[in-house]
């Protein structure tokens, strides 16, 4: 299981942000490293119309990726995967960041097995 949840400010250029392209890259990387079964990978994005970054200048934006994963991977494995996802995200966002002031953040969280419920028919 890997869920990628993107939150981003509404003032970011959609063509430069290219979230569908970023989601595809992240899914491919997650499946490639065999840590996450492809059928359990999900991505979604939420545009934030109401936001404030730093001093409130209207041209400053943000994108945050929260990644939720199931338990069972040691810290070293999670750190290595996290570094790969982080670098891929920064590389993907480079054209956007060349045009606009953007703060980028990423966190990976493990979910507790006892309180995580899943069901799918594929």
PDB file of N, CA and C in Angstrom:
ATOM      1  N   UNK A   1       0.836  -1.178   0.000  1.00  0.00           N
ATOM      2  CA  UNK A   1       0.000   0.000   0.000  1.00  0.00           C
ATOM      3  C   UNK A   1       0.875   1.233   0.000  1.00  0.00           C
ATOM      4  N   UNK A   2       0.600   2.116  -0.905  1.00  0.00           N
ATOM      5  CA  UNK A   2       1.217   3.442  -0.915  1.00  0.00           C
ATOM      6  C   UNK A   2       0.174   4.415  -1.441  1.00  0.00           C
ATOM      7  N   UNK A   3      -0.124   5.424  -0.642  1.00  0.00           N
ATOM      8  CA  UNK A   3      -1.037   6.478  -1.063  1.00  0.00           C
ATOM      9  C   UNK A   3      -0.248   7.775  -1.132  1.00  0.00           C
ATOM     10  N   UNK A   4      -0.302   8.425  -2.280  1.00  0.00           N
ATOM     11  CA  UNK A   4       0.337   9.715  -2.493  1.00  0.00           C
ATOM     12  C   UNK A   4      -0.761  10.781  -2.466  1.00  0.00           C
ATOM     13  N   UNK A   5      -0.672  11.702  -1.527  1.00  0.00           N
ATOM     14  CA  UNK A   5      -1.691  12.746  -1.379  1.00  0.00           C
ATOM     15  C   UNK A   5      -1.012  14.101  -1.553  1.00  0.00           C
ATOM     16  N   UNK A   6      -1.338  14.760  -2.633  1.00  0.00           N
ATOM     17  CA  UNK A   6      -0.746  16.052  -2.961  1.00  0.00           C
ATOM     18  C   UNK A   6      -1.698  17.172  -2.559  1.00  0.00           C
ATOM     19  N   UNK A   7      -1.175  18.179  -1.893  1.00  0.00           N
ATOM     20  CA  UNK A   7      -1.892  19.422  -1.633  1.00  0.00           C
ATOM     21  C   UNK A   7      -1.055  20.519  -2.277  1.00  0.00           C
ATOM     22  N   UNK A   8      -1.720  21.443  -2.962  1.00  0.00           N
ATOM     23  CA  UNK A   8      -0.957  22.503  -3.617  1.00  0.00           C
ATOM     24  C   UNK A   8      -1.775  23.782  -3.698  1.00  0.00           C
ATOM     25  N   UNK A   9      -1.054  24.880  -3.727  1.00  0.00           N
ATOM     26  CA  UNK A   9      -1.710  26.186  -3.780  1.00  0.00           C
ATOM     27  C   UNK A   9      -2.258  26.438  -5.182  1.00  0.00           C
ATOM     28  N   UNK A  10      -3.401  27.103  -5.223  1.00  0.00           N
ATOM     29  CA  UNK A  10      -4.113  27.344  -6.478  1.00  0.00           C
ATOM     30  C   UNK A  10      -3.359  28.280  -7.421  1.00  0.00           C
ATOM     31  N   UNK A  11      -2.331  28.957  -6.937  1.00  0.00           N
ATOM     32  CA  UNK A  11      -1.610  29.907  -7.794  1.00  0.00           C
ATOM     33  C   UNK A  11      -0.482  29.262  -8.592  1.00  0.00           C
ATOM     34  N   UNK A  12      -0.317  27.955  -8.499  1.00  0.00           N
ATOM     35  CA  UNK A  12       0.732  27.290  -9.273  1.00  0.00           C
ATOM     36  C   UNK A  12       0.272  27.058 -10.704  1.00  0.00           C
ATOM     37  N   UNK A  13       1.177  27.192 -11.641  1.00  0.00           N
ATOM     38  CA  UNK A  13       0.881  26.943 -13.049  1.00  0.00           C
ATOM     39  C   UNK A  13       0.604  25.456 -13.253  1.00  0.00           C
ATOM     40  N   UNK A  14      -0.618  25.120 -13.650  1.00  0.00           N
ATOM     41  CA  UNK A  14      -0.986  23.713 -13.857  1.00  0.00           C
ATOM     42  C   UNK A  14      -0.101  23.037 -14.915  1.00  0.00           C
ATOM     43  N   UNK A  15       0.184  23.707 -16.055  1.00  0.00           N
ATOM     44  CA  UNK A  15       1.056  23.045 -17.041  1.00  0.00           C
ATOM     45  C   UNK A  15       2.465  22.776 -16.494  1.00  0.00           C
ATOM     46  N   UNK A  16       3.023  23.719 -15.739  1.00  0.00           N
ATOM     47  CA  UNK A  16       4.354  23.501 -15.185  1.00  0.00           C
ATOM     48  C   UNK A  16       4.324  22.512 -14.026  1.00  0.00           C
ATOM     49  N   UNK A  17       3.259  22.514 -13.258  1.00  0.00           N
ATOM     50  CA  UNK A  17       3.111  21.567 -12.155  1.00  0.00           C
ATOM     51  C   UNK A  17       2.960  20.141 -12.704  1.00  0.00           C
ATOM     52  N   UNK A  18       2.157  19.979 -13.728  1.00  0.00           N
ATOM     53  CA  UNK A  18       1.963  18.697 -14.414  1.00  0.00           C
ATOM     54  C   UNK A  18       1.768  17.551 -13.416  1.00  0.00           C
ATOM     55  N   UNK A  19       0.731  17.653 -12.611  1.00  0.00           N
ATOM     56  CA  UNK A  19       0.463  16.610 -11.620  1.00  0.00           C
ATOM     57  C   UNK A  19       0.215  15.230 -12.233  1.00  0.00           C
ATOM     58  N   UNK A  20      -0.493  15.118 -13.356  1.00  0.00           N
ATOM     59  CA  UNK A  20      -0.635  13.771 -13.933  1.00  0.00           C
ATOM     60  C   UNK A  20       0.720  13.136 -14.256  1.00  0.00           C
ATOM     61  N   UNK A  21       1.648  13.928 -14.750  1.00  0.00           N
ATOM     62  CA  UNK A  21       2.985  13.408 -15.048  1.00  0.00           C
ATOM     63  C   UNK A  21       3.736  13.004 -13.792  1.00  0.00           C
ATOM     64  N   UNK A  22       3.624  13.816 -12.742  1.00  0.00           N
ATOM     65  CA  UNK A  22       4.286  13.491 -11.475  1.00  0.00           C
ATOM     66  C   UNK A  22       3.682  12.226 -10.872  1.00  0.00           C
ATOM     67  N   UNK A  23       2.362  12.110 -10.907  1.00  0.00           N
ATOM     68  CA  UNK A  23       1.715  10.912 -10.369  1.00  0.00           C
ATOM     69  C   UNK A  23       2.177   9.661 -11.106  1.00  0.00           C
ATOM     70  N   UNK A  24       2.258   9.753 -12.412  1.00  0.00           N
ATOM     71  CA  UNK A  24       2.709   8.600 -13.206  1.00  0.00           C
ATOM     72  C   UNK A  24       4.126   8.199 -12.811  1.00  0.00           C
ATOM     73  N   UNK A  25       5.020   9.184 -12.686  1.00  0.00           N
ATOM     74  CA  UNK A  25       6.404   8.891 -12.292  1.00  0.00           C
ATOM     75  C   UNK A  25       6.462   8.231 -10.920  1.00  0.00           C
ATOM     76  N   UNK A  26       5.681   8.737  -9.983  1.00  0.00           N
ATOM     77  CA  UNK A  26       5.700   8.186  -8.629  1.00  0.00           C
ATOM     78  C   UNK A  26       5.159   6.758  -8.613  1.00  0.00           C
ATOM     79  N   UNK A  27       4.089   6.500  -9.363  1.00  0.00           N
ATOM     80  CA  UNK A  27       3.545   5.136  -9.425  1.00  0.00           C
ATOM     81  C   UNK A  27       4.576   4.188 -10.028  1.00  0.00           C
ATOM     82  N   UNK A  28       5.217   4.621 -11.104  1.00  0.00           N
ATOM     83  CA  UNK A  28       6.213   3.772 -11.748  1.00  0.00           C
ATOM     84  C   UNK A  28       7.380   3.482 -10.809  1.00  0.00           C
ATOM     85  N   UNK A  29       7.848   4.496 -10.090  1.00  0.00           N
ATOM     86  CA  UNK A  29       8.961   4.306  -9.155  1.00  0.00           C
ATOM     87  C   UNK A  29       8.546   3.385  -8.015  1.00  0.00           C
ATOM     88  N   UNK A  30       7.348   3.571  -7.481  1.00  0.00           N
ATOM     89  CA  UNK A  30       6.875   2.733  -6.377  1.00  0.00           C
ATOM     90  C   UNK A  30       6.771   1.272  -6.813  1.00  0.00           C
ATOM     91  N   UNK A  31       6.285   1.026  -8.006  1.00  0.00           N
ATOM     92  CA  UNK A  31       6.147  -0.346  -8.500  1.00  0.00           C
ATOM     93  C   UNK A  31       7.514  -0.930  -8.861  1.00  0.00           C
ATOM     94  N   UNK A  32       8.382  -0.093  -9.409  1.00  0.00           N
ATOM     95  CA  UNK A  32       9.711  -0.541  -9.852  1.00  0.00           C
ATOM     96  C   UNK A  32      10.556  -1.065  -8.700  1.00  0.00           C
ATOM     97  N   UNK A  33      10.491  -0.403  -7.559  1.00  0.00           N
ATOM     98  CA  UNK A  33      11.349  -0.832  -6.455  1.00  0.00           C
ATOM     99  C   UNK A  33      10.762  -2.008  -5.676  1.00  0.00           C
ATOM    100  N   UNK A  34       9.613  -2.520  -6.118  1.00  0.00           N
ATOM    101  CA  UNK A  34       8.992  -3.726  -5.569  1.00  0.00           C
ATOM    102  C   UNK A  34       8.621  -3.625  -4.082  1.00  0.00           C
ATOM    103  N   UNK A  35       8.610  -2.420  -3.546  1.00  0.00           N
ATOM    104  CA  UNK A  35       8.225  -2.242  -2.151  1.00  0.00           C
ATOM    105  C   UNK A  35       6.717  -2.151  -1.980  1.00  0.00           C
ATOM    106  N   UNK A  36       6.043  -1.738  -3.040  1.00  0.00           N
ATOM    107  CA  UNK A  36       4.619  -1.483  -2.960  1.00  0.00           C
ATOM    108  C   UNK A  36       3.914  -2.192  -4.112  1.00  0.00           C
ATOM    109  N   UNK A  37       2.894  -2.997  -3.832  1.00  0.00           N
ATOM    110  CA  UNK A  37       2.173  -3.649  -4.921  1.00  0.00           C
ATOM    111  C   UNK A  37       1.409  -2.611  -5.746  1.00  0.00           C
ATOM    112  N   UNK A  38       1.511  -2.711  -7.050  1.00  0.00           N
ATOM    113  CA  UNK A  38       0.893  -1.730  -7.946  1.00  0.00           C
ATOM    114  C   UNK A  38      -0.596  -1.574  -7.676  1.00  0.00           C
ATOM    115  N   UNK A  39      -1.287  -2.662  -7.371  1.00  0.00           N
ATOM    116  CA  UNK A  39      -2.734  -2.588  -7.148  1.00  0.00           C
ATOM    117  C   UNK A  39      -3.087  -1.790  -5.894  1.00  0.00           C
ATOM    118  N   UNK A  40      -2.126  -1.570  -4.995  1.00  0.00           N
ATOM    119  CA  UNK A  40      -2.386  -0.817  -3.775  1.00  0.00           C
ATOM    120  C   UNK A  40      -1.932   0.625  -3.821  1.00  0.00           C
ATOM    121  N   UNK A  41      -1.394   1.063  -4.962  1.00  0.00           N
ATOM    122  CA  UNK A  41      -0.894   2.428  -5.075  1.00  0.00           C
ATOM    123  C   UNK A  41      -2.025   3.351  -5.512  1.00  0.00           C
ATOM    124  N   UNK A  42      -2.182   4.465  -4.811  1.00  0.00           N
ATOM    125  CA  UNK A  42      -3.208   5.466  -5.120  1.00  0.00           C
ATOM    126  C   UNK A  42      -2.572   6.850  -5.109  1.00  0.00           C
ATOM    127  N   UNK A  43      -3.087   7.715  -5.940  1.00  0.00           N
ATOM    128  CA  UNK A  43      -2.678   9.117  -5.938  1.00  0.00           C
ATOM    129  C   UNK A  43      -3.907   9.999  -6.014  1.00  0.00           C
ATOM    130  N   UNK A  44      -3.839  11.121  -5.337  1.00  0.00           N
ATOM    131  CA  UNK A  44      -4.905  12.119  -5.418  1.00  0.00           C
ATOM    132  C   UNK A  44      -4.311  13.476  -5.100  1.00  0.00           C
ATOM    133  N   UNK A  45      -4.992  14.503  -5.570  1.00  0.00           N
ATOM    134  CA  UNK A  45      -4.491  15.857  -5.376  1.00  0.00           C
ATOM    135  C   UNK A  45      -5.627  16.782  -4.969  1.00  0.00           C
ATOM    136  N   UNK A  46      -5.279  17.720  -4.118  1.00  0.00           N
ATOM    137  CA  UNK A  46      -6.242  18.714  -3.662  1.00  0.00           C
ATOM    138  C   UNK A  46      -5.646  20.107  -3.857  1.00  0.00           C
ATOM    139  N   UNK A  47      -6.326  20.883  -4.684  1.00  0.00           N
ATOM    140  CA  UNK A  47      -5.922  22.264  -4.900  1.00  0.00           C
ATOM    141  C   UNK A  47      -6.478  23.108  -3.754  1.00  0.00           C
ATOM    142  N   UNK A  48      -5.633  23.907  -3.164  1.00  0.00           N
ATOM    143  CA  UNK A  48      -6.038  24.761  -2.043  1.00  0.00           C
ATOM    144  C   UNK A  48      -6.284  26.174  -2.550  1.00  0.00           C
ATOM    145  N   UNK A  49      -7.559  26.560  -2.598  1.00  0.00           N
ATOM    146  CA  UNK A  49      -7.909  27.904  -3.046  1.00  0.00           C
ATOM    147  C   UNK A  49      -7.598  28.951  -1.985  1.00  0.00           C
ATOM    148  N   UNK A  50      -7.665  28.560  -0.751  1.00  0.00           N
ATOM    149  CA  UNK A  50      -7.386  29.478   0.359  1.00  0.00           C
ATOM    150  C   UNK A  50      -6.094  29.028   1.019  1.00  0.00           C
ATOM    151  N   UNK A  51      -5.072  29.844   0.967  1.00  0.00           N
ATOM    152  CA  UNK A  51      -3.771  29.499   1.505  1.00  0.00           C
ATOM    153  C   UNK A  51      -2.979  30.774   1.777  1.00  0.00           C
ATOM    154  N   UNK A  52      -1.931  30.641   2.537  1.00  0.00           N
ATOM    155  CA  UNK A  52      -1.001  31.726   2.789  1.00  0.00           C
ATOM    156  C   UNK A  52       0.370  31.085   2.942  1.00  0.00           C
ATOM    157  N   UNK A  53       1.353  31.601   2.226  1.00  0.00           N
ATOM    158  CA  UNK A  53       2.723  31.105   2.319  1.00  0.00           C
ATOM    159  C   UNK A  53       3.602  32.236   2.830  1.00  0.00           C
ATOM    160  N   UNK A  54       4.337  31.987   3.903  1.00  0.00           N
ATOM    161  CA  UNK A  54       5.285  32.961   4.440  1.00  0.00           C
ATOM    162  C   UNK A  54       4.659  34.318   4.698  1.00  0.00           C
ATOM    163  N   UNK A  55       5.184  35.335   4.012  1.00  0.00           N
ATOM    164  CA  UNK A  55       4.732  36.709   4.232  1.00  0.00           C
ATOM    165  C   UNK A  55       3.404  37.027   3.547  1.00  0.00           C
ATOM    166  N   UNK A  56       2.835  36.045   2.863  1.00  0.00           N
ATOM    167  CA  UNK A  56       1.541  36.239   2.233  1.00  0.00           C
ATOM    168  C   UNK A  56       1.601  36.819   0.831  1.00  0.00           C
ATOM    169  N   UNK A  57       2.805  36.985   0.276  1.00  0.00           N
ATOM    170  CA  UNK A  57       2.922  37.498  -1.095  1.00  0.00           C
ATOM    171  C   UNK A  57       2.123  36.577  -2.024  1.00  0.00           C
ATOM    172  N   UNK A  58       1.276  37.143  -2.881  1.00  0.00           N
ATOM    173  CA  UNK A  58       0.348  36.333  -3.673  1.00  0.00           C
ATOM    174  C   UNK A  58       1.010  35.413  -4.695  1.00  0.00           C
ATOM    175  N   UNK A  59       2.268  35.652  -5.033  1.00  0.00           N
ATOM    176  CA  UNK A  59       2.926  34.797  -6.024  1.00  0.00           C
ATOM    177  C   UNK A  59       3.647  33.601  -5.397  1.00  0.00           C
ATOM    178  N   UNK A  60       3.750  33.543  -4.075  1.00  0.00           N
ATOM    179  CA  UNK A  60       4.412  32.417  -3.417  1.00  0.00           C
ATOM    180  C   UNK A  60       3.437  31.250  -3.308  1.00  0.00           C
ATOM    181  N   UNK A  61       3.926  30.065  -3.663  1.00  0.00           N
ATOM    182  CA  UNK A  61       3.065  28.899  -3.646  1.00  0.00           C
ATOM    183  C   UNK A  61       3.690  27.741  -2.885  1.00  0.00           C
ATOM    184  N   UNK A  62       2.943  26.648  -2.820  1.00  0.00           N
ATOM    185  CA  UNK A  62       3.456  25.455  -2.140  1.00  0.00           C
ATOM    186  C   UNK A  62       2.902  24.195  -2.783  1.00  0.00           C
ATOM    187  N   UNK A  63       3.631  23.127  -2.586  1.00  0.00           N
ATOM    188  CA  UNK A  63       3.128  21.782  -2.866  1.00  0.00           C
ATOM    189  C   UNK A  63       3.656  20.878  -1.762  1.00  0.00           C
ATOM    190  N   UNK A  64       2.768  20.073  -1.223  1.00  0.00           N
ATOM    191  CA  UNK A  64       3.116  19.127  -0.173  1.00  0.00           C
ATOM    192  C   UNK A  64       2.670  17.742  -0.608  1.00  0.00           C
ATOM    193  N   UNK A  65       3.552  16.771  -0.429  1.00  0.00           N
ATOM    194  CA  UNK A  65       3.205  15.376  -0.677  1.00  0.00           C
ATOM    195  C   UNK A  65       3.237  14.628   0.647  1.00  0.00           C
ATOM    196  N   UNK A  66       2.100  14.066   1.015  1.00  0.00           N
ATOM    197  CA  UNK A  66       2.021  13.167   2.160  1.00  0.00           C
ATOM    198  C   UNK A  66       1.867  11.769   1.593  1.00  0.00           C
ATOM    199  N   UNK A  67       2.747  10.885   2.003  1.00  0.00           N
ATOM    200  CA  UNK A  67       2.711   9.510   1.524  1.00  0.00           C
ATOM    201  C   UNK A  67       2.393   8.604   2.702  1.00  0.00           C
ATOM    202  N   UNK A  68       1.326   7.826   2.554  1.00  0.00           N
ATOM    203  CA  UNK A  68       0.952   6.875   3.596  1.00  0.00           C
ATOM    204  C   UNK A  68       1.299   5.475   3.107  1.00  0.00           C
ATOM    205  N   UNK A  69       1.971   4.714   3.963  1.00  0.00           N
ATOM    206  CA  UNK A  69       2.348   3.355   3.593  1.00  0.00           C
ATOM    207  C   UNK A  69       1.969   2.392   4.718  1.00  0.00           C
ATOM    208  N   UNK A  70       1.793   1.143   4.358  1.00  0.00           N
ATOM    209  CA  UNK A  70       1.553   0.106   5.354  1.00  0.00           C
ATOM    210  C   UNK A  70       2.840  -0.250   6.076  1.00  0.00           C
ATOM    211  N   UNK A  71       2.724  -0.830   7.225  1.00  0.00           N
ATOM    212  CA  UNK A  71       3.882  -1.240   8.032  1.00  0.00           C
ATOM    213  C   UNK A  71       4.625  -2.399   7.383  1.00  0.00           C
ATOM    214  N   UNK A  72       5.876  -2.581   7.826  1.00  0.00           N
ATOM    215  CA  UNK A  72       6.611  -3.771   7.417  1.00  0.00           C
ATOM    216  C   UNK A  72       7.932  -3.505   6.724  1.00  0.00           C
ATOM    217  N   UNK A  73       8.304  -2.249   6.566  1.00  0.00           N
ATOM    218  CA  UNK A  73       9.578  -1.922   5.921  1.00  0.00           C
ATOM    219  C   UNK A  73      10.478  -1.254   6.955  1.00  0.00           C
ATOM    220  N   UNK A  74      11.737  -1.656   7.000  1.00  0.00           N
ATOM    221  CA  UNK A  74      12.646  -1.072   7.992  1.00  0.00           C
ATOM    222  C   UNK A  74      12.977   0.374   7.639  1.00  0.00           C
ATOM    223  N   UNK A  75      13.539   1.076   8.595  1.00  0.00           N
ATOM    224  CA  UNK A  75      13.824   2.505   8.429  1.00  0.00           C
ATOM    225  C   UNK A  75      14.759   2.760   7.257  1.00  0.00           C
ATOM    226  N   UNK A  76      15.796   1.963   7.108  1.00  0.00           N
ATOM    227  CA  UNK A  76      16.750   2.171   6.010  1.00  0.00           C
ATOM    228  C   UNK A  76      16.053   2.053   4.655  1.00  0.00           C
ATOM    229  N   UNK A  77      15.187   1.073   4.514  1.00  0.00           N
ATOM    230  CA  UNK A  77      14.447   0.878   3.261  1.00  0.00           C
ATOM    231  C   UNK A  77      13.520   2.061   3.003  1.00  0.00           C
ATOM    232  N   UNK A  78      12.820   2.514   4.046  1.00  0.00           N
ATOM    233  CA  UNK A  78      11.929   3.666   3.892  1.00  0.00           C
ATOM    234  C   UNK A  78      12.711   4.930   3.556  1.00  0.00           C
ATOM    235  N   UNK A  79      13.867   5.109   4.199  1.00  0.00           N
ATOM    236  CA  UNK A  79      14.692   6.295   3.924  1.00  0.00           C
ATOM    237  C   UNK A  79      15.171   6.291   2.477  1.00  0.00           C
ATOM    238  N   UNK A  80      15.622   5.146   1.989  1.00  0.00           N
ATOM    239  CA  UNK A  80      16.105   5.058   0.611  1.00  0.00           C
ATOM    240  C   UNK A  80      14.975   5.357  -0.371  1.00  0.00           C
ATOM    241  N   UNK A  81      13.815   4.739  -0.151  1.00  0.00           N
ATOM    242  CA  UNK A  81      12.668   5.001  -1.031  1.00  0.00           C
ATOM    243  C   UNK A  81      12.255   6.460  -0.938  1.00  0.00           C
ATOM    244  N   UNK A  82      12.211   7.002   0.279  1.00  0.00           N
ATOM    245  CA  UNK A  82      11.838   8.402   0.471  1.00  0.00           C
ATOM    246  C   UNK A  82      12.773   9.343  -0.265  1.00  0.00           C
ATOM    247  N   UNK A  83      14.074   9.078  -0.199  1.00  0.00           N
ATOM    248  CA  UNK A  83      15.044   9.912  -0.924  1.00  0.00           C
ATOM    249  C   UNK A  83      14.805   9.857  -2.429  1.00  0.00           C
ATOM    250  N   UNK A  84      14.485   8.669  -2.929  1.00  0.00           N
ATOM    251  CA  UNK A  84      14.221   8.530  -4.363  1.00  0.00           C
ATOM    252  C   UNK A  84      12.972   9.308  -4.774  1.00  0.00           C
ATOM    253  N   UNK A  85      11.901   9.176  -3.992  1.00  0.00           N
ATOM    254  CA  UNK A  85      10.676   9.923  -4.295  1.00  0.00           C
ATOM    255  C   UNK A  85      10.917  11.431  -4.195  1.00  0.00           C
ATOM    256  N   UNK A  86      11.617  11.856  -3.153  1.00  0.00           N
ATOM    257  CA  UNK A  86      11.905  13.275  -2.935  1.00  0.00           C
ATOM    258  C   UNK A  86      12.687  13.850  -4.111  1.00  0.00           C
ATOM    259  N   UNK A  87      13.743  13.161  -4.537  1.00  0.00           N
ATOM    260  CA  UNK A  87      14.550  13.673  -5.641  1.00  0.00           C
ATOM    261  C   UNK A  87      13.747  13.709  -6.934  1.00  0.00           C
ATOM    262  N   UNK A  88      12.940  12.687  -7.155  1.00  0.00           N
ATOM    263  CA  UNK A  88      12.102  12.662  -8.358  1.00  0.00           C
ATOM    264  C   UNK A  88      11.135  13.850  -8.346  1.00  0.00           C
ATOM    265  N   UNK A  89      10.568  14.129  -7.187  1.00  0.00           N
ATOM    266  CA  UNK A  89       9.636  15.244  -7.063  1.00  0.00           C
ATOM    267  C   UNK A  89      10.343  16.576  -7.341  1.00  0.00           C
ATOM    268  N   UNK A  90      11.511  16.769  -6.747  1.00  0.00           N
ATOM    269  CA  UNK A  90      12.260  18.012  -6.979  1.00  0.00           C
ATOM    270  C   UNK A  90      12.652  18.161  -8.445  1.00  0.00           C
ATOM    271  N   UNK A  91      13.102  17.084  -9.068  1.00  0.00           N
ATOM    272  CA  UNK A  91      13.467  17.134 -10.489  1.00  0.00           C
ATOM    273  C   UNK A  91      12.248  17.496 -11.335  1.00  0.00           C
ATOM    274  N   UNK A  92      11.119  16.886 -11.035  1.00  0.00           N
ATOM    275  CA  UNK A  92       9.892  17.155 -11.790  1.00  0.00           C
ATOM    276  C   UNK A  92       9.456  18.615 -11.635  1.00  0.00           C
ATOM    277  N   UNK A  93       9.625  19.165 -10.448  1.00  0.00           N
ATOM    278  CA  UNK A  93       9.160  20.526 -10.165  1.00  0.00           C
ATOM    279  C   UNK A  93      10.160  21.612 -10.561  1.00  0.00           C
ATOM    280  N   UNK A  94      11.337  21.240 -11.013  1.00  0.00           N
ATOM    281  CA  UNK A  94      12.373  22.230 -11.363  1.00  0.00           C
ATOM    282  C   UNK A  94      11.873  23.295 -12.349  1.00  0.00           C
ATOM    283  N   UNK A  95      11.164  22.937 -13.422  1.00  0.00           N
ATOM    284  CA  UNK A  95      10.679  23.983 -14.336  1.00  0.00           C
ATOM    285  C   UNK A  95       9.724  24.970 -13.645  1.00  0.00           C
ATOM    286  N   UNK A  96       8.853  24.463 -12.786  1.00  0.00           N
ATOM    287  CA  UNK A  96       7.942  25.325 -12.039  1.00  0.00           C
ATOM    288  C   UNK A  96       8.726  26.241 -11.099  1.00  0.00           C
ATOM    289  N   UNK A  97       9.691  25.670 -10.390  1.00  0.00           N
ATOM    290  CA  UNK A  97      10.453  26.441  -9.411  1.00  0.00           C
ATOM    291  C   UNK A  97      11.374  27.470 -10.073  1.00  0.00           C
ATOM    292  N   UNK A  98      11.683  27.260 -11.348  1.00  0.00           N
ATOM    293  CA  UNK A  98      12.469  28.249 -12.090  1.00  0.00           C
ATOM    294  C   UNK A  98      11.632  29.477 -12.425  1.00  0.00           C
ATOM    295  N   UNK A  99      10.292  29.335 -12.389  1.00  0.00           N
ATOM    296  CA  UNK A  99       9.389  30.421 -12.762  1.00  0.00           C
ATOM    297  C   UNK A  99       8.694  31.087 -11.573  1.00  0.00           C
ATOM    298  N   UNK A 100       8.663  30.395 -10.432  1.00  0.00           N
ATOM    299  CA  UNK A 100       7.852  30.884  -9.316  1.00  0.00           C
ATOM    300  C   UNK A 100       8.483  30.460  -7.993  1.00  0.00           C
ATOM    301  N   UNK A 101       8.249  31.268  -6.959  1.00  0.00           N
ATOM    302  CA  UNK A 101       8.708  30.913  -5.626  1.00  0.00           C
ATOM    303  C   UNK A 101       7.749  29.864  -5.065  1.00  0.00           C
ATOM    304  N   UNK A 102       8.303  28.689  -4.759  1.00  0.00           N
ATOM    305  CA  UNK A 102       7.487  27.566  -4.309  1.00  0.00           C
ATOM    306  C   UNK A 102       8.196  26.879  -3.148  1.00  0.00           C
ATOM    307  N   UNK A 103       7.447  26.546  -2.122  1.00  0.00           N
ATOM    308  CA  UNK A 103       7.981  25.709  -1.060  1.00  0.00           C
ATOM    309  C   UNK A 103       7.461  24.292  -1.294  1.00  0.00           C
ATOM    310  N   UNK A 104       8.353  23.331  -1.156  1.00  0.00           N
ATOM    311  CA  UNK A 104       8.036  21.939  -1.442  1.00  0.00           C
ATOM    312  C   UNK A 104       8.291  21.122  -0.181  1.00  0.00           C
ATOM    313  N   UNK A 105       7.367  20.234   0.143  1.00  0.00           N
ATOM    314  CA  UNK A 105       7.565  19.367   1.312  1.00  0.00           C
ATOM    315  C   UNK A 105       7.053  17.968   1.013  1.00  0.00           C
ATOM    316  N   UNK A 106       7.584  17.011   1.756  1.00  0.00           N
ATOM    317  CA  UNK A 106       7.244  15.605   1.572  1.00  0.00           C
ATOM    318  C   UNK A 106       7.408  14.889   2.904  1.00  0.00           C
ATOM    319  N   UNK A 107       6.454  14.056   3.221  1.00  0.00           N
ATOM    320  CA  UNK A 107       6.582  13.205   4.406  1.00  0.00           C
ATOM    321  C   UNK A 107       6.010  11.835   4.093  1.00  0.00           C
ATOM    322  N   UNK A 108       6.615  10.817   4.688  1.00  0.00           N
ATOM    323  CA  UNK A 108       6.147   9.450   4.542  1.00  0.00           C
ATOM    324  C   UNK A 108       5.723   8.971   5.933  1.00  0.00           C
ATOM    325  N   UNK A 109       4.517   8.426   6.017  1.00  0.00           N
ATOM    326  CA  UNK A 109       4.001   7.942   7.303  1.00  0.00           C
ATOM    327  C   UNK A 109       3.578   6.490   7.186  1.00  0.00           C
ATOM    328  N   UNK A 110       3.923   5.724   8.204  1.00  0.00           N
ATOM    329  CA  UNK A 110       3.453   4.347   8.293  1.00  0.00           C
ATOM    330  C   UNK A 110       2.114   4.323   9.017  1.00  0.00           C
ATOM    331  N   UNK A 111       1.200   3.515   8.520  1.00  0.00           N
ATOM    332  CA  UNK A 111      -0.100   3.372   9.158  1.00  0.00           C
ATOM    333  C   UNK A 111      -0.068   2.194  10.129  1.00  0.00           C
ATOM    334  N   UNK A 112      -0.793   2.324  11.193  1.00  0.00           N
ATOM    335  CA  UNK A 112      -0.905   1.246  12.171  1.00  0.00           C
ATOM    336  C   UNK A 112      -1.720   0.098  11.577  1.00  0.00           C
ATOM    337  N   UNK A 113      -1.180  -1.101  11.612  1.00  0.00           N
ATOM    338  CA  UNK A 113      -1.871  -2.261  11.050  1.00  0.00           C
ATOM    339  C   UNK A 113      -3.220  -2.520  11.704  1.00  0.00           C
ATOM    340  N   UNK A 114      -3.286  -2.340  13.011  1.00  0.00           N
ATOM    341  CA  UNK A 114      -4.494  -2.698  13.742  1.00  0.00           C
ATOM    342  C   UNK A 114      -5.686  -1.797  13.420  1.00  0.00           C
ATOM    343  N   UNK A 115      -5.443  -0.598  12.948  1.00  0.00           N
ATOM    344  CA  UNK A 115      -6.549   0.326  12.678  1.00  0.00           C
ATOM    345  C   UNK A 115      -6.606   0.756  11.211  1.00  0.00           C
ATOM    346  N   UNK A 116      -6.056  -0.069  10.340  1.00  0.00           N
ATOM    347  CA  UNK A 116      -6.092   0.191   8.907  1.00  0.00           C
ATOM    348  C   UNK A 116      -6.964  -0.882   8.264  1.00  0.00           C
ATOM    349  N   UNK A 117      -8.007  -0.485   7.575  1.00  0.00           N
ATOM    350  CA  UNK A 117      -8.942  -1.420   6.975  1.00  0.00           C
ATOM    351  C   UNK A 117      -8.953  -1.180   5.469  1.00  0.00           C
ATOM    352  N   UNK A 118      -8.820  -2.236   4.695  1.00  0.00           N
ATOM    353  CA  UNK A 118      -8.809  -2.161   3.234  1.00  0.00           C
ATOM    354  C   UNK A 118      -9.690  -3.259   2.659  1.00  0.00           C
ATOM    355  N   UNK A 119     -10.257  -2.972   1.508  1.00  0.00           N
ATOM    356  CA  UNK A 119     -10.973  -3.980   0.734  1.00  0.00           C
ATOM    357  C   UNK A 119     -10.976  -3.519  -0.703  1.00  0.00           C
ATOM    358  N   UNK A 120     -10.708  -4.433  -1.621  1.00  0.00           N
ATOM    359  CA  UNK A 120     -10.816  -4.109  -3.047  1.00  0.00           C
ATOM    360  C   UNK A 120     -11.214  -5.366  -3.784  1.00  0.00           C
ATOM    361  N   UNK A 121     -11.791  -5.192  -4.956  1.00  0.00           N
ATOM    362  CA  UNK A 121     -12.236  -6.349  -5.722  1.00  0.00           C
ATOM    363  C   UNK A 121     -11.374  -6.582  -6.961  1.00  0.00           C
ATOM    364  N   UNK A 122     -10.122  -6.098  -6.911  1.00  0.00           N
ATOM    365  CA  UNK A 122      -9.173  -6.385  -7.990  1.00  0.00           C
ATOM    366  C   UNK A 122      -7.810  -6.606  -7.434  1.00  0.00           C
TER     367      UNK A 122
END
